[in-house]
């Protein structure tokens, strides 16, 4: 079956409120994603590589702190502390980026 409607149908769909809401949500999500990627690049440069790796393994890689500690040869407490430091720094950096963007 061939689709019909041509440009009139596309114009109708483009103006549909649900489509506009979806586009706005996607833009907001992408904006937040870009903020966090930029913040991550800044924070990664500023922290010890093992600290970043502990964060990366436990947050991005979704490994337990116990697993990350074993991989890194660190204590579980050190991994928790490293993850917490990076997360705090990321929040601070995102806030800074948002304030500078306004």
C-alpha atoms as a PDB file:
ATOM      1  CA  UNK A   1       0.000   0.000   0.000  1.00  0.00           C
ATOM      2  CA  UNK A   2       1.352   3.388  -0.983  1.00  0.00           C
ATOM      3  CA  UNK A   3       1.289   6.210   1.532  1.00  0.00           C
ATOM      4  CA  UNK A   4      -0.777   9.239   0.613  1.00  0.00           C
ATOM      5  CA  UNK A   5      -1.033  12.727   1.953  1.00  0.00           C
ATOM      6  CA  UNK A   6       2.082  14.389   0.618  1.00  0.00           C
ATOM      7  CA  UNK A   7       3.259  17.676   2.038  1.00  0.00           C
ATOM      8  CA  UNK A   8      -0.163  18.567   3.436  1.00  0.00           C
ATOM      9  CA  UNK A   9       0.002  15.559   5.751  1.00  0.00           C
ATOM     10  CA  UNK A  10       3.565  16.429   6.784  1.00  0.00           C
ATOM     11  CA  UNK A  11       2.479  19.997   7.553  1.00  0.00           C
ATOM     12  CA  UNK A  12      -0.402  18.682   9.638  1.00  0.00           C
ATOM     13  CA  UNK A  13       1.857  16.304  11.575  1.00  0.00           C
ATOM     14  CA  UNK A  14       4.517  18.963  12.105  1.00  0.00           C
ATOM     15  CA  UNK A  15       1.995  21.250  13.774  1.00  0.00           C
ATOM     16  CA  UNK A  16       0.530  18.558  15.988  1.00  0.00           C
ATOM     17  CA  UNK A  17       0.889  19.513  19.687  1.00  0.00           C
ATOM     18  CA  UNK A  18       2.108  16.062  20.718  1.00  0.00           C
ATOM     19  CA  UNK A  19       4.892  16.248  18.145  1.00  0.00           C
ATOM     20  CA  UNK A  20       5.908  19.672  19.446  1.00  0.00           C
ATOM     21  CA  UNK A  21       5.983  18.359  23.013  1.00  0.00           C
ATOM     22  CA  UNK A  22       8.113  15.397  21.972  1.00  0.00           C
ATOM     23  CA  UNK A  23      10.537  17.662  20.148  1.00  0.00           C
ATOM     24  CA  UNK A  24      10.773  19.969  23.169  1.00  0.00           C
ATOM     25  CA  UNK A  25      11.390  16.996  25.479  1.00  0.00           C
ATOM     26  CA  UNK A  26      14.057  15.615  23.171  1.00  0.00           C
ATOM     27  CA  UNK A  27      15.761  19.008  22.970  1.00  0.00           C
ATOM     28  CA  UNK A  28      15.710  19.372  26.759  1.00  0.00           C
ATOM     29  CA  UNK A  29      17.113  15.871  27.195  1.00  0.00           C
ATOM     30  CA  UNK A  30      19.833  16.517  24.634  1.00  0.00           C
ATOM     31  CA  UNK A  31      20.727  19.826  26.289  1.00  0.00           C
ATOM     32  CA  UNK A  32      21.137  18.130  29.668  1.00  0.00           C
ATOM     33  CA  UNK A  33      23.148  15.333  28.071  1.00  0.00           C
ATOM     34  CA  UNK A  34      25.488  17.851  26.426  1.00  0.00           C
ATOM     35  CA  UNK A  35      25.911  19.715  29.725  1.00  0.00           C
ATOM     36  CA  UNK A  36      26.895  16.520  31.510  1.00  0.00           C
ATOM     37  CA  UNK A  37      29.262  15.460  28.733  1.00  0.00           C
ATOM     38  CA  UNK A  38      31.001  18.827  28.871  1.00  0.00           C
ATOM     39  CA  UNK A  39      31.109  18.751  32.668  1.00  0.00           C
ATOM     40  CA  UNK A  40      32.484  15.204  32.587  1.00  0.00           C
ATOM     41  CA  UNK A  41      35.300  16.249  30.264  1.00  0.00           C
ATOM     42  CA  UNK A  42      36.261  19.074  32.632  1.00  0.00           C
ATOM     43  CA  UNK A  43      36.042  16.976  35.802  1.00  0.00           C
ATOM     44  CA  UNK A  44      37.905  14.041  34.278  1.00  0.00           C
ATOM     45  CA  UNK A  45      40.907  16.306  33.631  1.00  0.00           C
ATOM     46  CA  UNK A  46      40.864  17.534  37.236  1.00  0.00           C
ATOM     47  CA  UNK A  47      40.692  14.255  39.153  1.00  0.00           C
ATOM     48  CA  UNK A  48      43.080  11.385  39.662  1.00  0.00           C
ATOM     49  CA  UNK A  49      42.664   8.675  36.993  1.00  0.00           C
ATOM     50  CA  UNK A  50      41.788   6.046  39.636  1.00  0.00           C
ATOM     51  CA  UNK A  51      39.135   8.353  41.068  1.00  0.00           C
ATOM     52  CA  UNK A  52      37.597   8.800  37.632  1.00  0.00           C
ATOM     53  CA  UNK A  53      37.821   5.074  36.927  1.00  0.00           C
ATOM     54  CA  UNK A  54      36.010   4.262  40.192  1.00  0.00           C
ATOM     55  CA  UNK A  55      33.216   6.635  39.170  1.00  0.00           C
ATOM     56  CA  UNK A  56      33.126   5.274  35.640  1.00  0.00           C
ATOM     57  CA  UNK A  57      32.972   1.642  36.749  1.00  0.00           C
ATOM     58  CA  UNK A  58      30.247   2.182  39.337  1.00  0.00           C
ATOM     59  CA  UNK A  59      28.052   4.761  37.626  1.00  0.00           C
ATOM     60  CA  UNK A  60      28.551   4.304  33.902  1.00  0.00           C
ATOM     61  CA  UNK A  61      29.489   0.624  34.040  1.00  0.00           C
ATOM     62  CA  UNK A  62      26.935  -0.102  36.775  1.00  0.00           C
ATOM     63  CA  UNK A  63      29.353  -2.320  38.678  1.00  0.00           C
ATOM     64  CA  UNK A  64      29.088  -2.611  42.419  1.00  0.00           C
ATOM     65  CA  UNK A  65      31.566  -0.751  44.580  1.00  0.00           C
ATOM     66  CA  UNK A  66      32.878  -4.132  45.679  1.00  0.00           C
ATOM     67  CA  UNK A  67      33.561  -5.172  42.068  1.00  0.00           C
ATOM     68  CA  UNK A  68      35.190  -1.840  41.258  1.00  0.00           C
ATOM     69  CA  UNK A  69      37.331  -2.026  44.393  1.00  0.00           C
ATOM     70  CA  UNK A  70      38.582  -5.469  43.394  1.00  0.00           C
ATOM     71  CA  UNK A  71      39.393  -4.284  39.863  1.00  0.00           C
ATOM     72  CA  UNK A  72      41.187  -1.171  41.086  1.00  0.00           C
ATOM     73  CA  UNK A  73      42.929  -2.748  44.053  1.00  0.00           C
ATOM     74  CA  UNK A  74      41.264  -0.216  46.365  1.00  0.00           C
ATOM     75  CA  UNK A  75      39.082  -0.517  49.422  1.00  0.00           C
ATOM     76  CA  UNK A  76      35.316  -0.391  49.010  1.00  0.00           C
ATOM     77  CA  UNK A  77      35.276   2.793  51.085  1.00  0.00           C
ATOM     78  CA  UNK A  78      37.795   4.423  48.750  1.00  0.00           C
ATOM     79  CA  UNK A  79      35.581   3.596  45.769  1.00  0.00           C
ATOM     80  CA  UNK A  80      32.494   5.049  47.486  1.00  0.00           C
ATOM     81  CA  UNK A  81      34.443   8.198  48.345  1.00  0.00           C
ATOM     82  CA  UNK A  82      35.838   8.550  44.812  1.00  0.00           C
ATOM     83  CA  UNK A  83      32.417   8.102  43.248  1.00  0.00           C
ATOM     84  CA  UNK A  84      30.927  10.642  45.621  1.00  0.00           C
ATOM     85  CA  UNK A  85      33.663  13.205  44.894  1.00  0.00           C
ATOM     86  CA  UNK A  86      33.223  12.904  41.138  1.00  0.00           C
ATOM     87  CA  UNK A  87      29.435  13.110  41.357  1.00  0.00           C
ATOM     88  CA  UNK A  88      29.689  16.234  43.529  1.00  0.00           C
ATOM     89  CA  UNK A  89      32.160  17.816  41.109  1.00  0.00           C
ATOM     90  CA  UNK A  90      29.907  16.981  38.158  1.00  0.00           C
ATOM     91  CA  UNK A  91      26.918  18.631  39.840  1.00  0.00           C
ATOM     92  CA  UNK A  92      29.015  21.708  40.614  1.00  0.00           C
ATOM     93  CA  UNK A  93      30.334  21.894  37.062  1.00  0.00           C
ATOM     94  CA  UNK A  94      26.863  21.511  35.535  1.00  0.00           C
ATOM     95  CA  UNK A  95      25.557  24.275  37.792  1.00  0.00           C
ATOM     96  CA  UNK A  96      28.449  26.497  36.753  1.00  0.00           C
ATOM     97  CA  UNK A  97      27.835  25.794  33.071  1.00  0.00           C
ATOM     98  CA  UNK A  98      24.126  26.526  33.442  1.00  0.00           C
ATOM     99  CA  UNK A  99      24.827  29.813  35.223  1.00  0.00           C
ATOM    100  CA  UNK A 100      27.316  30.865  32.553  1.00  0.00           C
ATOM    101  CA  UNK A 101      24.843  29.961  29.818  1.00  0.00           C
ATOM    102  CA  UNK A 102      22.168  32.336  31.107  1.00  0.00           C
END
